[in-house]
Amino acid sequence: MAFFKNITNRLGILGELLQFFLQNKWWWITPMLLILLMFGLLIVFAQGSAVAPFIYTLF
């Protein structure tokens, strides 16, 4: 358990979220949240670029 405390201290909020998921057995939802976060970041960062029309065709 000391290993997880060390990770939690180094990662801050992200570490606390990971610890929460592990303690409450929510490990199955983590990949879904990461994929949603990646899609959201892709949309936000691609809005101002020339690649935007090609990315929007994916949705």
C-alpha atoms as a PDB file:
ATOM      1  CA  MET A   1       0.000   0.000   0.000  1.00  0.00           C
ATOM      2  CA  ALA A   2       2.981   2.297   0.473  1.00  0.00           C
ATOM      3  CA  PHE A   3       3.626   2.053  -3.262  1.00  0.00           C
ATOM      4  CA  PHE A   4       0.193   3.516  -4.035  1.00  0.00           C
ATOM      5  CA  LYS A   5       0.691   6.306  -1.485  1.00  0.00           C
ATOM      6  CA  ASN A   6       3.938   7.272  -3.235  1.00  0.00           C
ATOM      7  CA  ILE A   7       2.201   7.345  -6.631  1.00  0.00           C
ATOM      8  CA  THR A   8      -0.688   9.355  -5.208  1.00  0.00           C
ATOM      9  CA  ASN A   9       1.704  11.953  -3.817  1.00  0.00           C
ATOM     10  CA  ARG A  10       3.574  12.282  -7.109  1.00  0.00           C
ATOM     11  CA  LEU A  11       0.561  12.430  -9.422  1.00  0.00           C
ATOM     12  CA  GLY A  12      -1.619  14.663  -7.266  1.00  0.00           C
ATOM     13  CA  ILE A  13      -5.264  14.727  -8.339  1.00  0.00           C
ATOM     14  CA  LEU A  14      -4.712  12.124 -11.050  1.00  0.00           C
ATOM     15  CA  GLY A  15      -3.174   9.789  -8.476  1.00  0.00           C
ATOM     16  CA  GLU A  16      -6.091  10.292  -6.114  1.00  0.00           C
ATOM     17  CA  LEU A  17      -8.518   9.519  -8.930  1.00  0.00           C
ATOM     18  CA  LEU A  18      -6.609   6.343  -9.782  1.00  0.00           C
ATOM     19  CA  GLN A  19      -6.580   5.310  -6.134  1.00  0.00           C
ATOM     20  CA  PHE A  20     -10.339   5.948  -5.925  1.00  0.00           C
ATOM     21  CA  PHE A  21     -10.956   3.770  -8.986  1.00  0.00           C
ATOM     22  CA  LEU A  22      -8.836   0.956  -7.565  1.00  0.00           C
ATOM     23  CA  GLN A  23     -10.449   1.055  -4.128  1.00  0.00           C
ATOM     24  CA  ASN A  24     -14.023   1.139  -5.464  1.00  0.00           C
ATOM     25  CA  LYS A  25     -13.374  -1.463  -8.189  1.00  0.00           C
ATOM     26  CA  TRP A  26     -14.042   1.036 -10.991  1.00  0.00           C
ATOM     27  CA  TRP A  27     -11.090  -0.212 -13.040  1.00  0.00           C
ATOM     28  CA  TRP A  28     -13.484  -1.104 -15.888  1.00  0.00           C
ATOM     29  CA  ILE A  29     -14.538   2.517 -16.436  1.00  0.00           C
ATOM     30  CA  THR A  30     -11.007   3.919 -16.684  1.00  0.00           C
ATOM     31  CA  PRO A  31     -10.443   2.988 -20.377  1.00  0.00           C
ATOM     32  CA  MET A  32     -13.777   4.532 -21.330  1.00  0.00           C
ATOM     33  CA  LEU A  33     -12.946   7.788 -19.565  1.00  0.00           C
ATOM     34  CA  LEU A  34      -9.512   7.924 -21.186  1.00  0.00           C
ATOM     35  CA  ILE A  35     -10.978   7.430 -24.668  1.00  0.00           C
ATOM     36  CA  LEU A  36     -13.579  10.158 -24.070  1.00  0.00           C
ATOM     37  CA  LEU A  37     -10.851  12.479 -22.799  1.00  0.00           C
ATOM     38  CA  MET A  38      -8.696  11.798 -25.867  1.00  0.00           C
ATOM     39  CA  PHE A  39     -11.596  12.515 -28.240  1.00  0.00           C
ATOM     40  CA  GLY A  40     -12.380  15.725 -26.377  1.00  0.00           C
ATOM     41  CA  LEU A  41      -8.773  16.894 -26.551  1.00  0.00           C
ATOM     42  CA  LEU A  42      -8.617  15.986 -30.236  1.00  0.00           C
ATOM     43  CA  ILE A  43     -11.662  18.121 -30.981  1.00  0.00           C
ATOM     44  CA  VAL A  44     -10.435  21.075 -28.901  1.00  0.00           C
ATOM     45  CA  PHE A  45      -6.921  21.152 -30.353  1.00  0.00           C
ATOM     46  CA  ALA A  46      -7.992  20.523 -33.949  1.00  0.00           C
ATOM     47  CA  GLN A  47     -10.531  23.350 -34.158  1.00  0.00           C
ATOM     48  CA  GLY A  48      -8.003  25.959 -35.160  1.00  0.00           C
ATOM     49  CA  SER A  49      -5.914  23.837 -37.478  1.00  0.00           C
ATOM     50  CA  ALA A  50      -6.110  22.881 -41.133  1.00  0.00           C
ATOM     51  CA  VAL A  51      -6.702  19.261 -40.119  1.00  0.00           C
ATOM     52  CA  ALA A  52     -10.126  20.047 -38.603  1.00  0.00           C
ATOM     53  CA  PRO A  53     -12.240  19.147 -41.682  1.00  0.00           C
ATOM     54  CA  PHE A  54     -10.615  15.717 -41.844  1.00  0.00           C
ATOM     55  CA  ILE A  55     -11.108  15.023 -38.138  1.00  0.00           C
ATOM     56  CA  TYR A  56     -14.774  16.023 -38.212  1.00  0.00           C
ATOM     57  CA  THR A  57     -15.424  13.431 -40.914  1.00  0.00           C
ATOM     58  CA  LEU A  58     -14.610  10.782 -38.316  1.00  0.00           C
ATOM     59  CA  PHE A  59     -17.652  11.760 -36.315  1.00  0.00           C
END
